Amino acid sequence: MAGPSGPVGAAAKLERFQSVLFDFDKSNIRASEAGKIDSIRAWATANPGFDFVLNGNTDPRGTSGYNKKLSDRRATTVRDAMVQGGVEGGRIRSFALGEEAPVCNEKTEACYQDDRRVDVYTVPR
């Protein structure tokens, strides 16, 4: 027997919550981004009916294989910080996108910075 249907429309989709930015070729959370991690953890605590999806990204410099691994390390870093702050690991899924999902296609440092990120999404349980 089927259970009750889930949410429909906007309530059923991922919602972008926050993006955590990273330095070139780094996967540690820099001091300027620590407040974002704190706000994610606080929101998670106040909203236990939501799970999280973390999409790790890189700028296009580097090989595809290297960028996949770097984006995975970035997503893992954000996940670990969330778990250390009390968010249950079972509420978090992470993906390594490498350079596959750019938000900017110009070859400038400002554009590269926008692509060096972990996008944090919320989704209702």
PDB file of N, CA and C in Angstrom:
ATOM      1  N   MET A   1       0.840  -1.166   0.000  1.00  0.00           N
ATOM      2  CA  MET A   1       0.000   0.000   0.000  1.00  0.00           C
ATOM      3  C   MET A   1       0.897   1.244   0.000  1.00  0.00           C
ATOM      4  N   ALA A   2       0.520   2.210  -0.813  1.00  0.00           N
ATOM      5  CA  ALA A   2       1.311   3.437  -0.920  1.00  0.00           C
ATOM      6  C   ALA A   2       1.046   4.342   0.274  1.00  0.00           C
ATOM      7  N   GLY A   3       2.085   5.066   0.678  1.00  0.00           N
ATOM      8  CA  GLY A   3       1.946   6.033   1.758  1.00  0.00           C
ATOM      9  C   GLY A   3       1.379   7.339   1.237  1.00  0.00           C
ATOM     10  N   PRO A   4       1.278   8.324   2.103  1.00  0.00           N
ATOM     11  CA  PRO A   4       0.751   9.620   1.667  1.00  0.00           C
ATOM     12  C   PRO A   4       1.698  10.265   0.667  1.00  0.00           C
ATOM     13  N   SER A   5       1.126  11.015  -0.242  1.00  0.00           N
ATOM     14  CA  SER A   5       1.967  11.677  -1.232  1.00  0.00           C
ATOM     15  C   SER A   5       2.800  12.763  -0.563  1.00  0.00           C
ATOM     16  N   GLY A   6       3.937  13.052  -1.147  1.00  0.00           N
ATOM     17  CA  GLY A   6       4.842  14.066  -0.621  1.00  0.00           C
ATOM     18  C   GLY A   6       4.439  15.453  -1.070  1.00  0.00           C
ATOM     19  N   PRO A   7       5.251  16.444  -0.715  1.00  0.00           N
ATOM     20  CA  PRO A   7       4.929  17.824  -1.084  1.00  0.00           C
ATOM     21  C   PRO A   7       4.966  18.006  -2.592  1.00  0.00           C
ATOM     22  N   VAL A   8       4.194  18.953  -3.071  1.00  0.00           N
ATOM     23  CA  VAL A   8       4.157  19.239  -4.500  1.00  0.00           C
ATOM     24  C   VAL A   8       4.672  20.649  -4.744  1.00  0.00           C
ATOM     25  N   GLY A   9       4.980  20.920  -5.980  1.00  0.00           N
ATOM     26  CA  GLY A   9       5.398  22.263  -6.362  1.00  0.00           C
ATOM     27  C   GLY A   9       6.695  22.690  -5.705  1.00  0.00           C
ATOM     28  N   ALA A  10       6.759  23.952  -5.325  1.00  0.00           N
ATOM     29  CA  ALA A  10       7.988  24.543  -4.794  1.00  0.00           C
ATOM     30  C   ALA A  10       8.482  23.834  -3.544  1.00  0.00           C
ATOM     31  N   ALA A  11       7.561  23.283  -2.733  1.00  0.00           N
ATOM     32  CA  ALA A  11       7.972  22.635  -1.486  1.00  0.00           C
ATOM     33  C   ALA A  11       8.749  21.358  -1.731  1.00  0.00           C
ATOM     34  N   ALA A  12       8.644  20.771  -2.922  1.00  0.00           N
ATOM     35  CA  ALA A  12       9.280  19.493  -3.209  1.00  0.00           C
ATOM     36  C   ALA A  12      10.678  19.651  -3.796  1.00  0.00           C
ATOM     37  N   LYS A  13      11.115  20.840  -4.082  1.00  0.00           N
ATOM     38  CA  LYS A  13      12.390  21.005  -4.772  1.00  0.00           C
ATOM     39  C   LYS A  13      13.494  21.527  -3.859  1.00  0.00           C
ATOM     40  N   LEU A  14      14.688  21.413  -4.358  1.00  0.00           N
ATOM     41  CA  LEU A  14      15.838  21.978  -3.662  1.00  0.00           C
ATOM     42  C   LEU A  14      15.746  23.497  -3.686  1.00  0.00           C
ATOM     43  N   GLU A  15      16.128  24.106  -2.595  1.00  0.00           N
ATOM     44  CA  GLU A  15      16.205  25.564  -2.519  1.00  0.00           C
ATOM     45  C   GLU A  15      17.632  25.943  -2.164  1.00  0.00           C
ATOM     46  N   ARG A  16      18.222  26.816  -2.945  1.00  0.00           N
ATOM     47  CA  ARG A  16      19.582  27.258  -2.647  1.00  0.00           C
ATOM     48  C   ARG A  16      19.557  28.071  -1.365  1.00  0.00           C
ATOM     49  N   PHE A  17      20.409  27.686  -0.444  1.00  0.00           N
ATOM     50  CA  PHE A  17      20.440  28.329   0.869  1.00  0.00           C
ATOM     51  C   PHE A  17      21.651  29.232   1.025  1.00  0.00           C
ATOM     52  N   GLN A  18      22.813  28.740   0.669  1.00  0.00           N
ATOM     53  CA  GLN A  18      24.064  29.471   0.930  1.00  0.00           C
ATOM     54  C   GLN A  18      25.156  28.919   0.016  1.00  0.00           C
ATOM     55  N   SER A  19      26.118  29.731  -0.316  1.00  0.00           N
ATOM     56  CA  SER A  19      27.310  29.269  -1.019  1.00  0.00           C
ATOM     57  C   SER A  19      28.529  29.626  -0.185  1.00  0.00           C
ATOM     58  N   VAL A  20      29.383  28.646   0.043  1.00  0.00           N
ATOM     59  CA  VAL A  20      30.619  28.841   0.802  1.00  0.00           C
ATOM     60  C   VAL A  20      31.748  28.917  -0.217  1.00  0.00           C
ATOM     61  N   LEU A  21      32.505  30.007  -0.187  1.00  0.00           N
ATOM     62  CA  LEU A  21      33.571  30.240  -1.163  1.00  0.00           C
ATOM     63  C   LEU A  21      34.914  29.731  -0.654  1.00  0.00           C
ATOM     64  N   PHE A  22      35.793  29.373  -1.596  1.00  0.00           N
ATOM     65  CA  PHE A  22      37.106  28.826  -1.266  1.00  0.00           C
ATOM     66  C   PHE A  22      38.204  29.551  -2.022  1.00  0.00           C
ATOM     67  N   ASP A  23      39.411  29.482  -1.473  1.00  0.00           N
ATOM     68  CA  ASP A  23      40.586  30.028  -2.146  1.00  0.00           C
ATOM     69  C   ASP A  23      41.029  29.074  -3.248  1.00  0.00           C
ATOM     70  N   PHE A  24      41.848  29.585  -4.162  1.00  0.00           N
ATOM     71  CA  PHE A  24      42.368  28.783  -5.261  1.00  0.00           C
ATOM     72  C   PHE A  24      43.105  27.550  -4.740  1.00  0.00           C
ATOM     73  N   ASP A  25      42.737  26.393  -5.249  1.00  0.00           N
ATOM     74  CA  ASP A  25      43.398  25.119  -4.951  1.00  0.00           C
ATOM     75  C   ASP A  25      43.352  24.748  -3.471  1.00  0.00           C
ATOM     76  N   LYS A  26      42.344  25.236  -2.744  1.00  0.00           N
ATOM     77  CA  LYS A  26      42.216  24.968  -1.307  1.00  0.00           C
ATOM     78  C   LYS A  26      40.854  24.352  -1.019  1.00  0.00           C
ATOM     79  N   SER A  27      40.810  23.597   0.083  1.00  0.00           N
ATOM     80  CA  SER A  27      39.536  23.012   0.504  1.00  0.00           C
ATOM     81  C   SER A  27      39.227  23.313   1.967  1.00  0.00           C
ATOM     82  N   ASN A  28      40.048  24.160   2.597  1.00  0.00           N
ATOM     83  CA  ASN A  28      39.767  24.547   3.981  1.00  0.00           C
ATOM     84  C   ASN A  28      38.822  25.751   3.987  1.00  0.00           C
ATOM     85  N   ILE A  29      38.010  25.845   5.039  1.00  0.00           N
ATOM     86  CA  ILE A  29      37.082  26.964   5.151  1.00  0.00           C
ATOM     87  C   ILE A  29      37.859  28.178   5.640  1.00  0.00           C
ATOM     88  N   ARG A  30      37.876  29.201   4.826  1.00  0.00           N
ATOM     89  CA  ARG A  30      38.619  30.404   5.210  1.00  0.00           C
ATOM     90  C   ARG A  30      37.823  31.204   6.231  1.00  0.00           C
ATOM     91  N   ALA A  31      38.529  32.021   6.985  1.00  0.00           N
ATOM     92  CA  ALA A  31      37.929  32.771   8.094  1.00  0.00           C
ATOM     93  C   ALA A  31      36.738  33.608   7.649  1.00  0.00           C
ATOM     94  N   SER A  32      36.817  34.191   6.460  1.00  0.00           N
ATOM     95  CA  SER A  32      35.724  35.048   5.986  1.00  0.00           C
ATOM     96  C   SER A  32      34.441  34.272   5.700  1.00  0.00           C
ATOM     97  N   GLU A  33      34.507  32.957   5.610  1.00  0.00           N
ATOM     98  CA  GLU A  33      33.338  32.126   5.319  1.00  0.00           C
ATOM     99  C   GLU A  33      32.801  31.399   6.553  1.00  0.00           C
ATOM    100  N   ALA A  34      33.495  31.504   7.681  1.00  0.00           N
ATOM    101  CA  ALA A  34      33.095  30.777   8.894  1.00  0.00           C
ATOM    102  C   ALA A  34      31.700  31.170   9.367  1.00  0.00           C
ATOM    103  N   GLY A  35      31.337  32.426   9.224  1.00  0.00           N
ATOM    104  CA  GLY A  35      30.011  32.874   9.623  1.00  0.00           C
ATOM    105  C   GLY A  35      28.904  32.191   8.823  1.00  0.00           C
ATOM    106  N   LYS A  36      29.192  31.890   7.570  1.00  0.00           N
ATOM    107  CA  LYS A  36      28.202  31.178   6.756  1.00  0.00           C
ATOM    108  C   LYS A  36      27.963  29.774   7.310  1.00  0.00           C
ATOM    109  N   ILE A  37      29.027  29.117   7.711  1.00  0.00           N
ATOM    110  CA  ILE A  37      28.896  27.774   8.291  1.00  0.00           C
ATOM    111  C   ILE A  37      28.066  27.860   9.569  1.00  0.00           C
ATOM    112  N   ASP A  38      28.332  28.855  10.394  1.00  0.00           N
ATOM    113  CA  ASP A  38      27.560  29.040  11.627  1.00  0.00           C
ATOM    114  C   ASP A  38      26.074  29.246  11.322  1.00  0.00           C
ATOM    115  N   SER A  39      25.761  30.037  10.300  1.00  0.00           N
ATOM    116  CA  SER A  39      24.352  30.284   9.978  1.00  0.00           C
ATOM    117  C   SER A  39      23.684  29.036   9.418  1.00  0.00           C
ATOM    118  N   ILE A  40      24.419  28.231   8.674  1.00  0.00           N
ATOM    119  CA  ILE A  40      23.871  26.967   8.158  1.00  0.00           C
ATOM    120  C   ILE A  40      23.549  26.036   9.320  1.00  0.00           C
ATOM    121  N   ARG A  41      24.486  25.903  10.249  1.00  0.00           N
ATOM    122  CA  ARG A  41      24.262  25.024  11.409  1.00  0.00           C
ATOM    123  C   ARG A  41      23.083  25.511  12.247  1.00  0.00           C
ATOM    124  N   ALA A  42      22.985  26.815  12.485  1.00  0.00           N
ATOM    125  CA  ALA A  42      21.877  27.361  13.276  1.00  0.00           C
ATOM    126  C   ALA A  42      20.544  27.107  12.582  1.00  0.00           C
ATOM    127  N   TRP A  43      20.504  27.306  11.271  1.00  0.00           N
ATOM    128  CA  TRP A  43      19.276  27.077  10.522  1.00  0.00           C
ATOM    129  C   TRP A  43      18.897  25.604  10.567  1.00  0.00           C
ATOM    130  N   ALA A  44      19.884  24.730  10.435  1.00  0.00           N
ATOM    131  CA  ALA A  44      19.632  23.281  10.480  1.00  0.00           C
ATOM    132  C   ALA A  44      19.035  22.873  11.817  1.00  0.00           C
ATOM    133  N   THR A  45      19.542  23.435  12.891  1.00  0.00           N
ATOM    134  CA  THR A  45      19.040  23.125  14.230  1.00  0.00           C
ATOM    135  C   THR A  45      17.595  23.595  14.393  1.00  0.00           C
ATOM    136  N   ALA A  46      17.288  24.762  13.867  1.00  0.00           N
ATOM    137  CA  ALA A  46      15.952  25.336  13.991  1.00  0.00           C
ATOM    138  C   ALA A  46      14.946  24.716  13.013  1.00  0.00           C
ATOM    139  N   ASN A  47      15.427  23.983  12.016  1.00  0.00           N
ATOM    140  CA  ASN A  47      14.558  23.430  10.976  1.00  0.00           C
ATOM    141  C   ASN A  47      14.841  21.945  10.759  1.00  0.00           C
ATOM    142  N   PRO A  48      14.496  21.105  11.731  1.00  0.00           N
ATOM    143  CA  PRO A  48      14.826  19.679  11.632  1.00  0.00           C
ATOM    144  C   PRO A  48      14.073  18.939  10.528  1.00  0.00           C
ATOM    145  N   GLY A  49      13.090  19.552   9.908  1.00  0.00           N
ATOM    146  CA  GLY A  49      12.343  18.907   8.835  1.00  0.00           C
ATOM    147  C   GLY A  49      12.979  19.061   7.470  1.00  0.00           C
ATOM    148  N   PHE A  50      14.206  19.532   7.435  1.00  0.00           N
ATOM    149  CA  PHE A  50      14.896  19.730   6.161  1.00  0.00           C
ATOM    150  C   PHE A  50      16.213  18.968   6.137  1.00  0.00           C
ATOM    151  N   ASP A  51      16.552  18.460   4.972  1.00  0.00           N
ATOM    152  CA  ASP A  51      17.853  17.862   4.714  1.00  0.00           C
ATOM    153  C   ASP A  51      18.663  18.832   3.864  1.00  0.00           C
ATOM    154  N   PHE A  52      19.922  18.464   3.626  1.00  0.00           N
ATOM    155  CA  PHE A  52      20.828  19.335   2.883  1.00  0.00           C
ATOM    156  C   PHE A  52      21.517  18.584   1.756  1.00  0.00           C
ATOM    157  N   VAL A  53      21.730  19.290   0.669  1.00  0.00           N
ATOM    158  CA  VAL A  53      22.524  18.790  -0.449  1.00  0.00           C
ATOM    159  C   VAL A  53      23.674  19.770  -0.634  1.00  0.00           C
ATOM    160  N   LEU A  54      24.889  19.246  -0.674  1.00  0.00           N
ATOM    161  CA  LEU A  54      26.084  20.062  -0.858  1.00  0.00           C
ATOM    162  C   LEU A  54      26.680  19.741  -2.223  1.00  0.00           C
ATOM    163  N   ASN A  55      26.817  20.744  -3.068  1.00  0.00           N
ATOM    164  CA  ASN A  55      27.434  20.569  -4.381  1.00  0.00           C
ATOM    165  C   ASN A  55      28.776  21.282  -4.398  1.00  0.00           C
ATOM    166  N   GLY A  56      29.855  20.503  -4.438  1.00  0.00           N
ATOM    167  CA  GLY A  56      31.193  21.067  -4.503  1.00  0.00           C
ATOM    168  C   GLY A  56      31.539  21.463  -5.922  1.00  0.00           C
ATOM    169  N   ASN A  57      32.176  22.624  -6.086  1.00  0.00           N
ATOM    170  CA  ASN A  57      32.523  23.162  -7.401  1.00  0.00           C
ATOM    171  C   ASN A  57      33.948  23.691  -7.413  1.00  0.00           C
ATOM    172  N   THR A  58      34.488  23.806  -8.621  1.00  0.00           N
ATOM    173  CA  THR A  58      35.808  24.414  -8.815  1.00  0.00           C
ATOM    174  C   THR A  58      35.748  25.371  -9.993  1.00  0.00           C
ATOM    175  N   ASP A  59      36.781  26.191 -10.113  1.00  0.00           N
ATOM    176  CA  ASP A  59      36.904  26.968 -11.339  1.00  0.00           C
ATOM    177  C   ASP A  59      37.475  26.023 -12.413  1.00  0.00           C
ATOM    178  N   PRO A  60      37.547  26.453 -13.670  1.00  0.00           N
ATOM    179  CA  PRO A  60      37.931  25.532 -14.741  1.00  0.00           C
ATOM    180  C   PRO A  60      39.420  25.207 -14.833  1.00  0.00           C
ATOM    181  N   ARG A  61      40.229  25.843 -14.024  1.00  0.00           N
ATOM    182  CA  ARG A  61      41.664  25.575 -14.107  1.00  0.00           C
ATOM    183  C   ARG A  61      41.959  24.230 -13.463  1.00  0.00           C
ATOM    184  N   GLY A  62      42.826  23.468 -14.035  1.00  0.00           N
ATOM    185  CA  GLY A  62      43.137  22.131 -13.549  1.00  0.00           C
ATOM    186  C   GLY A  62      42.461  21.087 -14.411  1.00  0.00           C
ATOM    187  N   THR A  63      42.900  19.838 -14.265  1.00  0.00           N
ATOM    188  CA  THR A  63      42.300  18.761 -15.053  1.00  0.00           C
ATOM    189  C   THR A  63      40.931  18.405 -14.493  1.00  0.00           C
ATOM    190  N   SER A  64      40.134  17.779 -15.293  1.00  0.00           N
ATOM    191  CA  SER A  64      38.802  17.368 -14.870  1.00  0.00           C
ATOM    192  C   SER A  64      38.871  16.441 -13.652  1.00  0.00           C
ATOM    193  N   GLY A  65      39.780  15.483 -13.692  1.00  0.00           N
ATOM    194  CA  GLY A  65      39.925  14.551 -12.577  1.00  0.00           C
ATOM    195  C   GLY A  65      40.354  15.248 -11.295  1.00  0.00           C
ATOM    196  N   TYR A  66      41.322  16.139 -11.402  1.00  0.00           N
ATOM    197  CA  TYR A  66      41.780  16.882 -10.227  1.00  0.00           C
ATOM    198  C   TYR A  66      40.642  17.733  -9.663  1.00  0.00           C
ATOM    199  N   ASN A  67      39.913  18.403 -10.544  1.00  0.00           N
ATOM    200  CA  ASN A  67      38.835  19.276 -10.093  1.00  0.00           C
ATOM    201  C   ASN A  67      37.710  18.499  -9.422  1.00  0.00           C
ATOM    202  N   LYS A  68      37.422  17.291  -9.894  1.00  0.00           N
ATOM    203  CA  LYS A  68      36.416  16.446  -9.230  1.00  0.00           C
ATOM    204  C   LYS A  68      36.856  16.145  -7.794  1.00  0.00           C
ATOM    205  N   LYS A  69      38.126  15.782  -7.632  1.00  0.00           N
ATOM    206  CA  LYS A  69      38.633  15.462  -6.292  1.00  0.00           C
ATOM    207  C   LYS A  69      38.639  16.694  -5.394  1.00  0.00           C
ATOM    208  N   LEU A  70      39.039  17.843  -5.934  1.00  0.00           N
ATOM    209  CA  LEU A  70      39.058  19.080  -5.154  1.00  0.00           C
ATOM    210  C   LEU A  70      37.639  19.478  -4.746  1.00  0.00           C
ATOM    211  N   SER A  71      36.689  19.364  -5.656  1.00  0.00           N
ATOM    212  CA  SER A  71      35.308  19.721  -5.309  1.00  0.00           C
ATOM    213  C   SER A  71      34.742  18.758  -4.273  1.00  0.00           C
ATOM    214  N   ASP A  72      35.163  17.495  -4.313  1.00  0.00           N
ATOM    215  CA  ASP A  72      34.745  16.530  -3.290  1.00  0.00           C
ATOM    216  C   ASP A  72      35.321  16.907  -1.930  1.00  0.00           C
ATOM    217  N   ARG A  73      36.596  17.303  -1.897  1.00  0.00           N
ATOM    218  CA  ARG A  73      37.207  17.726  -0.631  1.00  0.00           C
ATOM    219  C   ARG A  73      36.494  18.951  -0.067  1.00  0.00           C
ATOM    220  N   ARG A  74      36.122  19.876  -0.919  1.00  0.00           N
ATOM    221  CA  ARG A  74      35.414  21.076  -0.458  1.00  0.00           C
ATOM    222  C   ARG A  74      34.053  20.711   0.128  1.00  0.00           C
ATOM    223  N   ALA A  75      33.303  19.864  -0.555  1.00  0.00           N
ATOM    224  CA  ALA A  75      31.994  19.450  -0.041  1.00  0.00           C
ATOM    225  C   ALA A  75      32.152  18.690   1.276  1.00  0.00           C
ATOM    226  N   THR A  76      33.175  17.850   1.364  1.00  0.00           N
ATOM    227  CA  THR A  76      33.425  17.094   2.597  1.00  0.00           C
ATOM    228  C   THR A  76      33.780  18.027   3.743  1.00  0.00           C
ATOM    229  N   THR A  77      34.552  19.063   3.473  1.00  0.00           N
ATOM    230  CA  THR A  77      34.915  20.038   4.500  1.00  0.00           C
ATOM    231  C   THR A  77      33.682  20.728   5.064  1.00  0.00           C
ATOM    232  N   VAL A  78      32.777  21.147   4.188  1.00  0.00           N
ATOM    233  CA  VAL A  78      31.548  21.799   4.642  1.00  0.00           C
ATOM    234  C   VAL A  78      30.691  20.801   5.416  1.00  0.00           C
ATOM    235  N   ARG A  79      30.582  19.585   4.909  1.00  0.00           N
ATOM    236  CA  ARG A  79      29.805  18.551   5.597  1.00  0.00           C
ATOM    237  C   ARG A  79      30.370  18.302   6.996  1.00  0.00           C
ATOM    238  N   ASP A  80      31.679  18.135   7.087  1.00  0.00           N
ATOM    239  CA  ASP A  80      32.313  17.879   8.385  1.00  0.00           C
ATOM    240  C   ASP A  80      32.066  19.023   9.365  1.00  0.00           C
ATOM    241  N   ALA A  81      32.129  20.259   8.885  1.00  0.00           N
ATOM    242  CA  ALA A  81      31.882  21.415   9.755  1.00  0.00           C
ATOM    243  C   ALA A  81      30.438  21.423  10.241  1.00  0.00           C
ATOM    244  N   MET A  82      29.519  21.042   9.376  1.00  0.00           N
ATOM    245  CA  MET A  82      28.114  20.975   9.782  1.00  0.00           C
ATOM    246  C   MET A  82      27.913  19.889  10.840  1.00  0.00           C
ATOM    247  N   VAL A  83      28.501  18.722  10.616  1.00  0.00           N
ATOM    248  CA  VAL A  83      28.358  17.610  11.565  1.00  0.00           C
ATOM    249  C   VAL A  83      29.004  17.964  12.897  1.00  0.00           C
ATOM    250  N   GLN A  84      30.190  18.569  12.863  1.00  0.00           N
ATOM    251  CA  GLN A  84      30.856  18.979  14.102  1.00  0.00           C
ATOM    252  C   GLN A  84      30.009  19.989  14.870  1.00  0.00           C
ATOM    253  N   GLY A  85      29.179  20.737  14.161  1.00  0.00           N
ATOM    254  CA  GLY A  85      28.301  21.709  14.795  1.00  0.00           C
ATOM    255  C   GLY A  85      26.970  21.136  15.233  1.00  0.00           C
ATOM    256  N   GLY A  86      26.787  19.825  15.072  1.00  0.00           N
ATOM    257  CA  GLY A  86      25.583  19.181  15.588  1.00  0.00           C
ATOM    258  C   GLY A  86      24.549  18.755  14.568  1.00  0.00           C
ATOM    259  N   VAL A  87      24.793  18.975  13.276  1.00  0.00           N
ATOM    260  CA  VAL A  87      23.855  18.532  12.251  1.00  0.00           C
ATOM    261  C   VAL A  87      24.083  17.039  12.010  1.00  0.00           C
ATOM    262  N   GLU A  88      23.013  16.259  12.030  1.00  0.00           N
ATOM    263  CA  GLU A  88      23.131  14.815  11.806  1.00  0.00           C
ATOM    264  C   GLU A  88      23.641  14.539  10.394  1.00  0.00           C
ATOM    265  N   GLY A  89      24.656  13.686  10.302  1.00  0.00           N
ATOM    266  CA  GLY A  89      25.240  13.355   9.013  1.00  0.00           C
ATOM    267  C   GLY A  89      24.241  12.764   8.036  1.00  0.00           C
ATOM    268  N   GLY A  90      23.225  12.060   8.537  1.00  0.00           N
ATOM    269  CA  GLY A  90      22.208  11.469   7.682  1.00  0.00           C
ATOM    270  C   GLY A  90      21.328  12.478   6.980  1.00  0.00           C
ATOM    271  N   ARG A  91      21.407  13.729   7.400  1.00  0.00           N
ATOM    272  CA  ARG A  91      20.615  14.799   6.770  1.00  0.00           C
ATOM    273  C   ARG A  91      21.366  15.459   5.624  1.00  0.00           C
ATOM    274  N   ILE A  92      22.593  15.005   5.350  1.00  0.00           N
ATOM    275  CA  ILE A  92      23.455  15.697   4.387  1.00  0.00           C
ATOM    276  C   ILE A  92      23.881  14.737   3.282  1.00  0.00           C
ATOM    277  N   ARG A  93      23.678  15.152   2.035  1.00  0.00           N
ATOM    278  CA  ARG A  93      24.214  14.432   0.866  1.00  0.00           C
ATOM    279  C   ARG A  93      25.151  15.388   0.140  1.00  0.00           C
ATOM    280  N   SER A  94      26.257  14.866  -0.350  1.00  0.00           N
ATOM    281  CA  SER A  94      27.188  15.752  -1.048  1.00  0.00           C
ATOM    282  C   SER A  94      27.575  15.168  -2.396  1.00  0.00           C
ATOM    283  N   PHE A  95      27.885  16.093  -3.312  1.00  0.00           N
ATOM    284  CA  PHE A  95      28.235  15.730  -4.679  1.00  0.00           C
ATOM    285  C   PHE A  95      29.433  16.563  -5.122  1.00  0.00           C
ATOM    286  N   ALA A  96      30.292  15.953  -5.912  1.00  0.00           N
ATOM    287  CA  ALA A  96      31.465  16.628  -6.469  1.00  0.00           C
ATOM    288  C   ALA A  96      31.194  16.924  -7.940  1.00  0.00           C
ATOM    289  N   LEU A  97      31.031  18.202  -8.271  1.00  0.00           N
ATOM    290  CA  LEU A  97      30.712  18.581  -9.641  1.00  0.00           C
ATOM    291  C   LEU A  97      31.935  19.042 -10.428  1.00  0.00           C
ATOM    292  N   GLY A  98      33.042  19.270  -9.749  1.00  0.00           N
ATOM    293  CA  GLY A  98      34.213  19.788 -10.464  1.00  0.00           C
ATOM    294  C   GLY A  98      33.896  21.137 -11.086  1.00  0.00           C
ATOM    295  N   GLU A  99      34.281  21.299 -12.352  1.00  0.00           N
ATOM    296  CA  GLU A  99      34.034  22.568 -13.045  1.00  0.00           C
ATOM    297  C   GLU A  99      32.776  22.504 -13.916  1.00  0.00           C
ATOM    298  N   GLU A 100      31.926  21.514 -13.697  1.00  0.00           N
ATOM    299  CA  GLU A 100      30.771  21.271 -14.562  1.00  0.00           C
ATOM    300  C   GLU A 100      29.605  22.241 -14.377  1.00  0.00           C
ATOM    301  N   ALA A 101      29.567  23.010 -13.304  1.00  0.00           N
ATOM    302  CA  ALA A 101      28.423  23.899 -13.051  1.00  0.00           C
ATOM    303  C   ALA A 101      28.880  25.322 -12.763  1.00  0.00           C
ATOM    304  N   PRO A 102      29.530  25.965 -13.731  1.00  0.00           N
ATOM    305  CA  PRO A 102      30.019  27.327 -13.480  1.00  0.00           C
ATOM    306  C   PRO A 102      28.859  28.318 -13.349  1.00  0.00           C
ATOM    307  N   VAL A 103      29.083  29.349 -12.545  1.00  0.00           N
ATOM    308  CA  VAL A 103      28.118  30.442 -12.465  1.00  0.00           C
ATOM    309  C   VAL A 103      28.597  31.635 -13.288  1.00  0.00           C
ATOM    310  N   CYS A 104      29.814  31.533 -13.782  1.00  0.00           N
ATOM    311  CA  CYS A 104      30.419  32.607 -14.574  1.00  0.00           C
ATOM    312  C   CYS A 104      31.362  31.962 -15.582  1.00  0.00           C
ATOM    313  N   ASN A 105      31.390  32.486 -16.793  1.00  0.00           N
ATOM    314  CA  ASN A 105      32.239  31.883 -17.825  1.00  0.00           C
ATOM    315  C   ASN A 105      33.361  32.793 -18.309  1.00  0.00           C
ATOM    316  N   GLU A 106      33.545  33.929 -17.654  1.00  0.00           N
ATOM    317  CA  GLU A 106      34.644  34.823 -18.031  1.00  0.00           C
ATOM    318  C   GLU A 106      35.944  34.302 -17.434  1.00  0.00           C
ATOM    319  N   LYS A 107      37.039  34.607 -18.062  1.00  0.00           N
ATOM    320  CA  LYS A 107      38.344  34.167 -17.561  1.00  0.00           C
ATOM    321  C   LYS A 107      38.988  35.292 -16.761  1.00  0.00           C
ATOM    322  N   THR A 108      38.336  35.597 -15.615  1.00  0.00           N
ATOM    323  CA  THR A 108      38.836  36.634 -14.712  1.00  0.00           C
ATOM    324  C   THR A 108      38.896  36.042 -13.312  1.00  0.00           C
ATOM    325  N   GLU A 109      39.696  36.628 -12.446  1.00  0.00           N
ATOM    326  CA  GLU A 109      39.800  36.131 -11.077  1.00  0.00           C
ATOM    327  C   GLU A 109      38.461  36.247 -10.344  1.00  0.00           C
ATOM    328  N   ALA A 110      37.729  37.330 -10.583  1.00  0.00           N
ATOM    329  CA  ALA A 110      36.420  37.482  -9.932  1.00  0.00           C
ATOM    330  C   ALA A 110      35.477  36.353 -10.341  1.00  0.00           C
ATOM    331  N   CYS A 111      35.506  35.996 -11.588  1.00  0.00           N
ATOM    332  CA  CYS A 111      34.666  34.910 -12.081  1.00  0.00           C
ATOM    333  C   CYS A 111      35.135  33.574 -11.506  1.00  0.00           C
ATOM    334  N   TYR A 112      36.428  33.340 -11.510  1.00  0.00           N
ATOM    335  CA  TYR A 112      36.962  32.099 -10.937  1.00  0.00           C
ATOM    336  C   TYR A 112      36.554  31.974  -9.467  1.00  0.00           C
ATOM    337  N   GLN A 113      36.569  33.089  -8.727  1.00  0.00           N
ATOM    338  CA  GLN A 113      36.181  33.046  -7.314  1.00  0.00           C
ATOM    339  C   GLN A 113      34.736  32.580  -7.163  1.00  0.00           C
ATOM    340  N   ASP A 114      33.863  33.063  -8.017  1.00  0.00           N
ATOM    341  CA  ASP A 114      32.459  32.659  -7.942  1.00  0.00           C
ATOM    342  C   ASP A 114      32.283  31.156  -8.167  1.00  0.00           C
ATOM    343  N   ASP A 115      33.170  30.567  -8.942  1.00  0.00           N
ATOM    344  CA  ASP A 115      33.075  29.136  -9.248  1.00  0.00           C
ATOM    345  C   ASP A 115      33.729  28.251  -8.191  1.00  0.00           C
ATOM    346  N   ARG A 116      34.568  28.806  -7.335  1.00  0.00           N
ATOM    347  CA  ARG A 116      35.222  28.029  -6.261  1.00  0.00           C
ATOM    348  C   ARG A 116      34.315  28.045  -5.039  1.00  0.00           C
ATOM    349  N   ARG A 117      33.373  27.090  -4.992  1.00  0.00           N
ATOM    350  CA  ARG A 117      32.344  27.167  -3.966  1.00  0.00           C
ATOM    351  C   ARG A 117      31.739  25.805  -3.672  1.00  0.00           C
ATOM    352  N   VAL A 118      31.052  25.759  -2.542  1.00  0.00           N
ATOM    353  CA  VAL A 118      30.126  24.666  -2.240  1.00  0.00           C
ATOM    354  C   VAL A 118      28.763  25.313  -2.099  1.00  0.00           C
ATOM    355  N   ASP A 119      27.844  24.908  -2.963  1.00  0.00           N
ATOM    356  CA  ASP A 119      26.469  25.384  -2.866  1.00  0.00           C
ATOM    357  C   ASP A 119      25.732  24.496  -1.881  1.00  0.00           C
ATOM    358  N   VAL A 120      25.074  25.128  -0.917  1.00  0.00           N
ATOM    359  CA  VAL A 120      24.307  24.409   0.102  1.00  0.00           C
ATOM    360  C   VAL A 120      22.829  24.599  -0.231  1.00  0.00           C
ATOM    361  N   TYR A 121      22.146  23.501  -0.433  1.00  0.00           N
ATOM    362  CA  TYR A 121      20.720  23.500  -0.736  1.00  0.00           C
ATOM    363  C   TYR A 121      19.950  22.849   0.391  1.00  0.00           C
ATOM    364  N   THR A 122      18.717  23.287   0.585  1.00  0.00           N
ATOM    365  CA  THR A 122      17.821  22.640   1.542  1.00  0.00           C
ATOM    366  C   THR A 122      16.739  21.908   0.746  1.00  0.00           C
ATOM    367  N   VAL A 123      16.245  20.840   1.343  1.00  0.00           N
ATOM    368  CA  VAL A 123      15.147  20.091   0.735  1.00  0.00           C
ATOM    369  C   VAL A 123      14.277  19.537   1.864  1.00  0.00           C
ATOM    370  N   PRO A 124      12.951  19.685   1.768  1.00  0.00           N
ATOM    371  CA  PRO A 124      12.099  19.129   2.819  1.00  0.00           C
ATOM    372  C   PRO A 124      12.256  17.616   2.883  1.00  0.00           C
ATOM    373  N   ARG A 125      12.160  17.086   4.093  1.00  0.00           N
ATOM    374  CA  ARG A 125      12.252  15.634   4.264  1.00  0.00           C
ATOM    375  C   ARG A 125      11.016  14.961   3.731  1.00  0.00           C
TER     376      ARG A 125
END
